[in-house]
Amino acid sequence: MAKTPMTLHGAEMLRAELQRLKTVERPENSRAIAEARSHGDLSENAEYEAARNRQGFIEARIADIESKLSNAQLIDPRLVDADGRCVFGSTVDLEDEADASTLCLQIVGEDEADIKAGKISISSPIARALIGKYAGDAVQVQTPGGIKRYEILDVRYE
């Protein structure tokens, strides 16, 4: 199976979620199932059904996170030496050519993406347009609202 790029911070976030699922969520849900069982007839017990569904979700998420971590290629952006090119993990300052507003984005793995925090997925259209470009280059990105044009002001590895 192919390795999936992930920053150290992203891997740490997944490990923390995995720890919480295994040590907090799973035991709480087991208690909820036991409590619902004690109410009698399971065929018409909505609490039991909800707890069983929750158990399935928890176990699936645990398996998903473990798989992602085992197939992760951890990348520390501070150790990347890409000669000023936009690569996975880099932080890019952009200027929107339409209104001269600036935007700061970091290219991260899919599980780490959070647009409010300025982190975009490597598979997003804007990240794909930025990969391989240098400061001073202009990029065009097809968005639902039309084509956006940006100038790359700076590329950092933080």
N, C-alpha and C. Protein backbone atom coordinates (compact mmCIF):
# COMPACT_ATOMS: atom_id res chain seq x y z
N MET A 1 0.84 -1.18 0.00
CA MET A 1 0.00 0.00 0.00
C MET A 1 0.88 1.24 0.00
N ALA A 2 0.46 2.25 -0.72
CA ALA A 2 1.23 3.48 -0.83
C ALA A 2 1.22 4.25 0.48
N LYS A 3 2.34 4.89 0.74
CA LYS A 3 2.44 5.72 1.94
C LYS A 3 1.69 7.03 1.73
N THR A 4 1.06 7.51 2.79
CA THR A 4 0.30 8.76 2.75
C THR A 4 1.09 9.83 3.50
N PRO A 5 1.35 10.98 2.86
CA PRO A 5 2.10 12.03 3.56
C PRO A 5 1.28 12.62 4.71
N MET A 6 1.98 12.90 5.79
CA MET A 6 1.34 13.47 6.98
C MET A 6 2.40 14.24 7.75
N THR A 7 2.03 15.41 8.26
CA THR A 7 2.98 16.17 9.07
C THR A 7 3.07 15.53 10.46
N LEU A 8 4.10 15.88 11.19
CA LEU A 8 4.27 15.36 12.55
C LEU A 8 3.09 15.79 13.42
N HIS A 9 2.63 17.03 13.24
CA HIS A 9 1.50 17.53 14.01
C HIS A 9 0.23 16.72 13.71
N GLY A 10 0.01 16.40 12.44
CA GLY A 10 -1.15 15.62 12.05
C GLY A 10 -1.12 14.22 12.65
N ALA A 11 0.05 13.60 12.67
CA ALA A 11 0.18 12.27 13.26
C ALA A 11 -0.08 12.33 14.76
N GLU A 12 0.41 13.39 15.40
CA GLU A 12 0.18 13.56 16.84
C GLU A 12 -1.30 13.73 17.15
N MET A 13 -2.02 14.47 16.30
CA MET A 13 -3.46 14.65 16.50
C MET A 13 -4.19 13.30 16.36
N LEU A 14 -3.80 12.50 15.38
CA LEU A 14 -4.44 11.19 15.22
C LEU A 14 -4.12 10.27 16.40
N ARG A 15 -2.89 10.30 16.88
CA ARG A 15 -2.53 9.48 18.03
C ARG A 15 -3.34 9.87 19.27
N ALA A 16 -3.55 11.18 19.45
CA ALA A 16 -4.34 11.65 20.59
C ALA A 16 -5.80 11.20 20.46
N GLU A 17 -6.35 11.26 19.26
CA GLU A 17 -7.72 10.80 19.06
C GLU A 17 -7.82 9.30 19.29
N LEU A 18 -6.84 8.55 18.82
CA LEU A 18 -6.83 7.09 19.03
C LEU A 18 -6.77 6.77 20.51
N GLN A 19 -5.93 7.46 21.25
CA GLN A 19 -5.81 7.26 22.69
C GLN A 19 -7.14 7.54 23.38
N ARG A 20 -7.80 8.65 23.01
CA ARG A 20 -9.09 9.01 23.60
C ARG A 20 -10.15 7.96 23.28
N LEU A 21 -10.18 7.50 22.04
CA LEU A 21 -11.17 6.49 21.65
C LEU A 21 -10.99 5.20 22.45
N LYS A 22 -9.73 4.78 22.63
CA LYS A 22 -9.46 3.52 23.32
C LYS A 22 -9.63 3.61 24.83
N THR A 23 -9.27 4.75 25.42
CA THR A 23 -9.28 4.84 26.89
C THR A 23 -10.51 5.50 27.48
N VAL A 24 -11.24 6.28 26.67
CA VAL A 24 -12.40 7.00 27.19
C VAL A 24 -13.69 6.54 26.51
N GLU A 25 -13.75 6.70 25.21
CA GLU A 25 -14.99 6.43 24.47
C GLU A 25 -15.39 4.95 24.52
N ARG A 26 -14.42 4.06 24.26
CA ARG A 26 -14.75 2.63 24.24
C ARG A 26 -15.28 2.15 25.58
N PRO A 27 -14.59 2.45 26.71
CA PRO A 27 -15.12 2.01 28.01
C PRO A 27 -16.48 2.64 28.36
N GLU A 28 -16.66 3.93 28.03
CA GLU A 28 -17.95 4.57 28.30
C GLU A 28 -19.06 3.89 27.53
N ASN A 29 -18.79 3.56 26.28
CA ASN A 29 -19.81 2.90 25.46
C ASN A 29 -20.10 1.49 25.96
N SER A 30 -19.09 0.79 26.45
CA SER A 30 -19.31 -0.55 27.01
C SER A 30 -20.25 -0.47 28.21
N ARG A 31 -20.05 0.56 29.04
CA ARG A 31 -20.94 0.75 30.19
C ARG A 31 -22.37 1.07 29.72
N ALA A 32 -22.49 1.86 28.66
CA ALA A 32 -23.81 2.21 28.13
C ALA A 32 -24.52 0.97 27.60
N ILE A 33 -23.79 0.07 26.95
CA ILE A 33 -24.38 -1.17 26.45
C ILE A 33 -24.85 -2.03 27.62
N ALA A 34 -24.01 -2.14 28.64
CA ALA A 34 -24.38 -2.94 29.82
C ALA A 34 -25.62 -2.36 30.50
N GLU A 35 -25.67 -1.05 30.62
CA GLU A 35 -26.81 -0.38 31.23
C GLU A 35 -28.08 -0.63 30.42
N ALA A 36 -27.99 -0.52 29.11
CA ALA A 36 -29.15 -0.73 28.24
C ALA A 36 -29.62 -2.19 28.30
N ARG A 37 -28.67 -3.12 28.41
CA ARG A 37 -29.03 -4.54 28.52
C ARG A 37 -29.83 -4.82 29.78
N SER A 38 -29.49 -4.10 30.82
CA SER A 38 -30.14 -4.35 32.11
C SER A 38 -31.62 -3.93 32.10
N HIS A 39 -32.04 -3.20 31.06
CA HIS A 39 -33.42 -2.76 30.98
C HIS A 39 -34.36 -3.82 30.40
N GLY A 40 -33.80 -4.96 30.03
CA GLY A 40 -34.67 -6.06 29.58
C GLY A 40 -34.66 -6.29 28.10
N ASP A 41 -35.85 -6.47 27.51
CA ASP A 41 -36.04 -6.86 26.11
C ASP A 41 -35.19 -6.01 25.16
N LEU A 42 -34.25 -6.68 24.48
CA LEU A 42 -33.33 -5.97 23.60
C LEU A 42 -33.94 -5.67 22.23
N SER A 43 -34.99 -6.39 21.86
CA SER A 43 -35.57 -6.21 20.52
C SER A 43 -36.23 -4.85 20.35
N GLU A 44 -36.70 -4.25 21.42
CA GLU A 44 -37.35 -2.94 21.34
C GLU A 44 -36.66 -1.92 22.24
N ASN A 45 -35.36 -2.09 22.42
CA ASN A 45 -34.61 -1.22 23.32
C ASN A 45 -33.79 -0.23 22.48
N ALA A 46 -34.28 1.00 22.38
CA ALA A 46 -33.62 2.03 21.56
C ALA A 46 -32.26 2.41 22.13
N GLU A 47 -32.13 2.43 23.45
CA GLU A 47 -30.84 2.76 24.07
C GLU A 47 -29.78 1.73 23.70
N TYR A 48 -30.17 0.46 23.73
CA TYR A 48 -29.24 -0.61 23.38
C TYR A 48 -28.82 -0.48 21.92
N GLU A 49 -29.78 -0.25 21.04
CA GLU A 49 -29.50 -0.11 19.61
C GLU A 49 -28.55 1.07 19.36
N ALA A 50 -28.80 2.19 20.01
CA ALA A 50 -27.95 3.37 19.85
C ALA A 50 -26.53 3.09 20.35
N ALA A 51 -26.41 2.41 21.48
CA ALA A 51 -25.09 2.10 22.04
C ALA A 51 -24.34 1.13 21.13
N ARG A 52 -25.04 0.17 20.54
CA ARG A 52 -24.40 -0.79 19.63
C ARG A 52 -23.94 -0.06 18.35
N ASN A 53 -24.75 0.86 17.86
CA ASN A 53 -24.35 1.63 16.68
C ASN A 53 -23.12 2.48 17.00
N ARG A 54 -23.11 3.08 18.17
CA ARG A 54 -21.96 3.89 18.61
C ARG A 54 -20.71 3.02 18.72
N GLN A 55 -20.87 1.80 19.22
CA GLN A 55 -19.75 0.87 19.34
C GLN A 55 -19.16 0.58 17.95
N GLY A 56 -20.02 0.37 16.97
CA GLY A 56 -19.55 0.13 15.61
C GLY A 56 -18.77 1.31 15.06
N PHE A 57 -19.27 2.52 15.33
CA PHE A 57 -18.59 3.72 14.88
C PHE A 57 -17.21 3.84 15.53
N ILE A 58 -17.15 3.61 16.83
CA ILE A 58 -15.88 3.72 17.58
C ILE A 58 -14.87 2.72 17.05
N GLU A 59 -15.28 1.47 16.88
CA GLU A 59 -14.36 0.43 16.42
C GLU A 59 -13.89 0.71 14.99
N ALA A 60 -14.79 1.21 14.13
CA ALA A 60 -14.40 1.54 12.76
C ALA A 60 -13.41 2.70 12.74
N ARG A 61 -13.63 3.69 13.58
CA ARG A 61 -12.72 4.84 13.63
C ARG A 61 -11.35 4.42 14.15
N ILE A 62 -11.32 3.55 15.16
CA ILE A 62 -10.05 3.05 15.69
C ILE A 62 -9.28 2.33 14.58
N ALA A 63 -9.95 1.46 13.85
CA ALA A 63 -9.30 0.72 12.76
C ALA A 63 -8.80 1.68 11.67
N ASP A 64 -9.60 2.70 11.36
CA ASP A 64 -9.23 3.68 10.34
C ASP A 64 -7.98 4.46 10.76
N ILE A 65 -7.95 4.92 11.99
CA ILE A 65 -6.79 5.69 12.47
C ILE A 65 -5.55 4.82 12.51
N GLU A 66 -5.68 3.59 13.01
CA GLU A 66 -4.52 2.69 13.05
C GLU A 66 -3.97 2.43 11.66
N SER A 67 -4.86 2.27 10.69
CA SER A 67 -4.44 2.05 9.30
C SER A 67 -3.72 3.28 8.76
N LYS A 68 -4.27 4.45 9.01
CA LYS A 68 -3.65 5.69 8.52
C LYS A 68 -2.27 5.89 9.14
N LEU A 69 -2.15 5.63 10.42
CA LEU A 69 -0.85 5.81 11.08
C LEU A 69 0.18 4.80 10.58
N SER A 70 -0.27 3.58 10.30
CA SER A 70 0.68 2.57 9.84
C SER A 70 1.13 2.84 8.41
N ASN A 71 0.33 3.55 7.62
CA ASN A 71 0.68 3.86 6.24
C ASN A 71 1.16 5.30 6.07
N ALA A 72 1.42 5.99 7.16
CA ALA A 72 1.81 7.40 7.09
C ALA A 72 3.30 7.55 6.76
N GLN A 73 3.58 8.51 5.92
CA GLN A 73 4.95 8.94 5.68
C GLN A 73 5.07 10.27 6.40
N LEU A 74 5.70 10.26 7.57
CA LEU A 74 5.79 11.47 8.39
C LEU A 74 6.81 12.45 7.81
N ILE A 75 6.38 13.69 7.68
CA ILE A 75 7.22 14.73 7.11
C ILE A 75 7.26 15.91 8.07
N ASP A 76 8.46 16.31 8.43
CA ASP A 76 8.65 17.49 9.27
C ASP A 76 8.97 18.66 8.35
N PRO A 77 8.04 19.61 8.22
CA PRO A 77 8.26 20.73 7.28
C PRO A 77 9.55 21.51 7.55
N ARG A 78 10.00 21.53 8.80
CA ARG A 78 11.23 22.28 9.12
C ARG A 78 12.47 21.63 8.52
N LEU A 79 12.38 20.33 8.20
CA LEU A 79 13.54 19.62 7.65
C LEU A 79 13.50 19.52 6.13
N VAL A 80 12.44 20.05 5.54
CA VAL A 80 12.30 20.00 4.08
C VAL A 80 13.21 21.05 3.46
N ASP A 81 13.98 20.63 2.49
CA ASP A 81 14.81 21.59 1.75
C ASP A 81 14.42 21.47 0.28
N ALA A 82 13.49 22.31 -0.14
CA ALA A 82 12.96 22.23 -1.49
C ALA A 82 13.37 23.42 -2.33
N ASP A 83 14.39 24.14 -1.91
CA ASP A 83 14.90 25.29 -2.67
C ASP A 83 13.83 26.31 -3.01
N GLY A 84 12.93 26.56 -2.07
CA GLY A 84 11.92 27.58 -2.28
C GLY A 84 10.68 27.14 -3.03
N ARG A 85 10.60 25.86 -3.38
CA ARG A 85 9.41 25.35 -4.08
C ARG A 85 8.30 25.04 -3.09
N CYS A 86 7.06 25.11 -3.55
CA CYS A 86 5.91 24.68 -2.76
C CYS A 86 5.88 23.16 -2.77
N VAL A 87 5.94 22.58 -1.60
CA VAL A 87 5.89 21.12 -1.44
C VAL A 87 4.98 20.79 -0.26
N PHE A 88 4.74 19.50 -0.05
CA PHE A 88 3.95 19.08 1.10
C PHE A 88 4.59 19.63 2.37
N GLY A 89 3.77 20.22 3.22
CA GLY A 89 4.24 20.76 4.50
C GLY A 89 4.64 22.22 4.44
N SER A 90 4.82 22.76 3.26
CA SER A 90 5.26 24.16 3.17
C SER A 90 4.10 25.11 3.50
N THR A 91 4.47 26.28 3.98
CA THR A 91 3.52 27.35 4.26
C THR A 91 3.71 28.39 3.18
N VAL A 92 2.60 28.79 2.57
CA VAL A 92 2.66 29.65 1.39
C VAL A 92 1.84 30.91 1.64
N ASP A 93 2.46 32.06 1.39
CA ASP A 93 1.75 33.34 1.44
C ASP A 93 1.32 33.69 0.02
N LEU A 94 0.02 33.97 -0.14
CA LEU A 94 -0.54 34.26 -1.45
C LEU A 94 -1.19 35.63 -1.46
N GLU A 95 -1.22 36.23 -2.63
CA GLU A 95 -1.98 37.47 -2.81
C GLU A 95 -3.02 37.22 -3.90
N ASP A 96 -4.28 37.48 -3.55
CA ASP A 96 -5.37 37.34 -4.51
C ASP A 96 -5.25 38.50 -5.50
N GLU A 97 -5.10 38.19 -6.78
CA GLU A 97 -4.91 39.24 -7.78
C GLU A 97 -6.17 40.09 -7.98
N ALA A 98 -7.35 39.57 -7.62
CA ALA A 98 -8.59 40.31 -7.82
C ALA A 98 -8.74 41.47 -6.84
N ASP A 99 -8.41 41.24 -5.57
CA ASP A 99 -8.63 42.29 -4.57
C ASP A 99 -7.40 42.59 -3.72
N ALA A 100 -6.27 42.04 -4.07
CA ALA A 100 -5.00 42.27 -3.38
C ALA A 100 -5.00 41.82 -1.92
N SER A 101 -5.97 40.97 -1.53
CA SER A 101 -5.95 40.42 -0.16
C SER A 101 -4.89 39.32 -0.07
N THR A 102 -4.38 39.11 1.13
CA THR A 102 -3.36 38.08 1.31
C THR A 102 -3.95 36.89 2.06
N LEU A 103 -3.32 35.77 1.86
CA LEU A 103 -3.77 34.50 2.40
C LEU A 103 -2.55 33.67 2.76
N CYS A 104 -2.56 33.05 3.91
CA CYS A 104 -1.46 32.19 4.33
C CYS A 104 -2.00 30.77 4.50
N LEU A 105 -1.43 29.82 3.75
CA LEU A 105 -1.90 28.44 3.78
C LEU A 105 -0.74 27.48 3.97
N GLN A 106 -1.01 26.39 4.71
CA GLN A 106 -0.03 25.31 4.82
C GLN A 106 -0.62 24.09 4.13
N ILE A 107 0.19 23.41 3.33
CA ILE A 107 -0.25 22.22 2.61
C ILE A 107 0.00 21.01 3.51
N VAL A 108 -1.09 20.33 3.88
CA VAL A 108 -1.01 19.23 4.85
C VAL A 108 -1.76 18.00 4.32
N GLY A 109 -1.76 16.94 5.12
CA GLY A 109 -2.48 15.72 4.78
C GLY A 109 -3.98 15.90 4.90
N GLU A 110 -4.71 14.95 4.33
CA GLU A 110 -6.18 15.08 4.30
C GLU A 110 -6.81 15.14 5.67
N ASP A 111 -6.30 14.38 6.64
CA ASP A 111 -6.89 14.37 7.98
C ASP A 111 -6.55 15.63 8.78
N GLU A 112 -5.58 16.39 8.33
CA GLU A 112 -5.14 17.57 9.06
C GLU A 112 -5.80 18.85 8.54
N ALA A 113 -6.40 18.78 7.38
CA ALA A 113 -6.94 19.97 6.72
C ALA A 113 -7.95 20.68 7.62
N ASP A 114 -7.80 21.99 7.73
CA ASP A 114 -8.70 22.85 8.49
C ASP A 114 -8.57 24.25 7.91
N ILE A 115 -9.48 24.60 7.03
CA ILE A 115 -9.37 25.86 6.31
C ILE A 115 -9.38 27.05 7.25
N LYS A 116 -10.10 26.97 8.36
CA LYS A 116 -10.12 28.08 9.32
C LYS A 116 -8.75 28.31 9.94
N ALA A 117 -7.96 27.24 10.07
CA ALA A 117 -6.61 27.35 10.62
C ALA A 117 -5.57 27.57 9.53
N GLY A 118 -6.02 27.70 8.27
CA GLY A 118 -5.08 27.93 7.18
C GLY A 118 -4.36 26.68 6.72
N LYS A 119 -4.96 25.51 6.94
CA LYS A 119 -4.34 24.25 6.53
C LYS A 119 -5.21 23.62 5.45
N ILE A 120 -4.60 23.41 4.27
CA ILE A 120 -5.34 22.83 3.16
C ILE A 120 -4.80 21.46 2.80
N SER A 121 -5.68 20.60 2.37
CA SER A 121 -5.32 19.23 2.00
C SER A 121 -4.46 19.22 0.74
N ILE A 122 -3.50 18.31 0.72
CA ILE A 122 -2.64 18.13 -0.44
C ILE A 122 -3.46 17.81 -1.69
N SER A 123 -4.65 17.25 -1.51
CA SER A 123 -5.47 16.88 -2.68
C SER A 123 -6.44 17.99 -3.10
N SER A 124 -6.43 19.13 -2.41
CA SER A 124 -7.32 20.23 -2.77
C SER A 124 -6.85 20.88 -4.07
N PRO A 125 -7.76 21.49 -4.80
CA PRO A 125 -7.37 22.14 -6.06
C PRO A 125 -6.29 23.21 -5.89
N ILE A 126 -6.38 23.99 -4.84
CA ILE A 126 -5.38 25.05 -4.66
C ILE A 126 -4.00 24.46 -4.33
N ALA A 127 -3.96 23.42 -3.52
CA ALA A 127 -2.67 22.78 -3.20
C ALA A 127 -2.06 22.17 -4.45
N ARG A 128 -2.90 21.51 -5.25
CA ARG A 128 -2.38 20.90 -6.49
C ARG A 128 -1.82 21.97 -7.43
N ALA A 129 -2.46 23.15 -7.44
CA ALA A 129 -1.97 24.24 -8.29
C ALA A 129 -0.65 24.81 -7.76
N LEU A 130 -0.46 24.78 -6.44
CA LEU A 130 0.73 25.37 -5.83
C LEU A 130 1.96 24.47 -5.89
N ILE A 131 1.76 23.16 -5.82
CA ILE A 131 2.89 22.22 -5.75
C ILE A 131 3.86 22.46 -6.92
N GLY A 132 5.13 22.61 -6.55
CA GLY A 132 6.19 22.79 -7.53
C GLY A 132 6.45 24.23 -7.94
N LYS A 133 5.61 25.16 -7.49
CA LYS A 133 5.78 26.57 -7.86
C LYS A 133 6.71 27.27 -6.86
N TYR A 134 7.21 28.44 -7.27
CA TYR A 134 8.13 29.23 -6.47
C TYR A 134 7.51 30.58 -6.11
N ALA A 135 8.12 31.27 -5.14
CA ALA A 135 7.71 32.64 -4.82
C ALA A 135 7.88 33.49 -6.08
N GLY A 136 6.87 34.32 -6.34
CA GLY A 136 6.88 35.15 -7.54
C GLY A 136 6.04 34.56 -8.66
N ASP A 137 5.78 33.25 -8.61
CA ASP A 137 4.94 32.61 -9.64
C ASP A 137 3.48 32.97 -9.43
N ALA A 138 2.73 32.95 -10.52
CA ALA A 138 1.28 33.16 -10.46
C ALA A 138 0.61 31.81 -10.72
N VAL A 139 -0.50 31.57 -10.02
CA VAL A 139 -1.25 30.32 -10.20
C VAL A 139 -2.71 30.65 -10.43
N GLN A 140 -3.37 29.77 -11.17
CA GLN A 140 -4.81 29.86 -11.39
C GLN A 140 -5.44 28.64 -10.76
N VAL A 141 -6.55 28.85 -10.07
CA VAL A 141 -7.25 27.76 -9.41
C VAL A 141 -8.72 27.81 -9.81
N GLN A 142 -9.24 26.68 -10.28
CA GLN A 142 -10.66 26.59 -10.60
C GLN A 142 -11.42 26.34 -9.30
N THR A 143 -12.29 27.27 -8.93
CA THR A 143 -13.10 27.14 -7.73
C THR A 143 -14.57 27.10 -8.13
N PRO A 144 -15.46 26.72 -7.23
CA PRO A 144 -16.89 26.74 -7.56
C PRO A 144 -17.37 28.12 -7.99
N GLY A 145 -16.71 29.17 -7.50
CA GLY A 145 -17.09 30.53 -7.84
C GLY A 145 -16.39 31.06 -9.09
N GLY A 146 -15.62 30.23 -9.75
CA GLY A 146 -14.90 30.65 -10.94
C GLY A 146 -13.40 30.54 -10.75
N ILE A 147 -12.66 31.01 -11.71
CA ILE A 147 -11.19 30.92 -11.65
C ILE A 147 -10.65 32.02 -10.74
N LYS A 148 -9.80 31.62 -9.80
CA LYS A 148 -9.11 32.57 -8.91
C LYS A 148 -7.65 32.60 -9.32
N ARG A 149 -7.07 33.77 -9.27
CA ARG A 149 -5.66 33.94 -9.60
C ARG A 149 -4.92 34.46 -8.37
N TYR A 150 -3.80 33.82 -8.08
CA TYR A 150 -2.99 34.19 -6.93
C TYR A 150 -1.54 34.37 -7.37
N GLU A 151 -0.85 35.25 -6.65
CA GLU A 151 0.60 35.35 -6.80
C GLU A 151 1.22 34.81 -5.52
N ILE A 152 2.23 33.98 -5.67
CA ILE A 152 2.92 33.42 -4.50
C ILE A 152 3.91 34.46 -4.00
N LEU A 153 3.69 34.92 -2.78
CA LEU A 153 4.57 35.94 -2.19
C LEU A 153 5.77 35.32 -1.50
N ASP A 154 5.54 34.21 -0.78
CA ASP A 154 6.62 33.61 -0.01
C ASP A 154 6.31 32.12 0.22
N VAL A 155 7.36 31.32 0.33
CA VAL A 155 7.25 29.90 0.64
C VAL A 155 8.17 29.63 1.82
N ARG A 156 7.57 29.10 2.91
CA ARG A 156 8.35 28.81 4.12
C ARG A 156 8.16 27.35 4.52
N TYR A 157 9.11 26.86 5.30
CA TYR A 157 9.06 25.48 5.80
C TYR A 157 9.12 25.56 7.32
N GLU A 158 7.95 25.63 7.96
CA GLU A 158 7.88 25.84 9.42
C GLU A 158 7.38 24.59 10.11
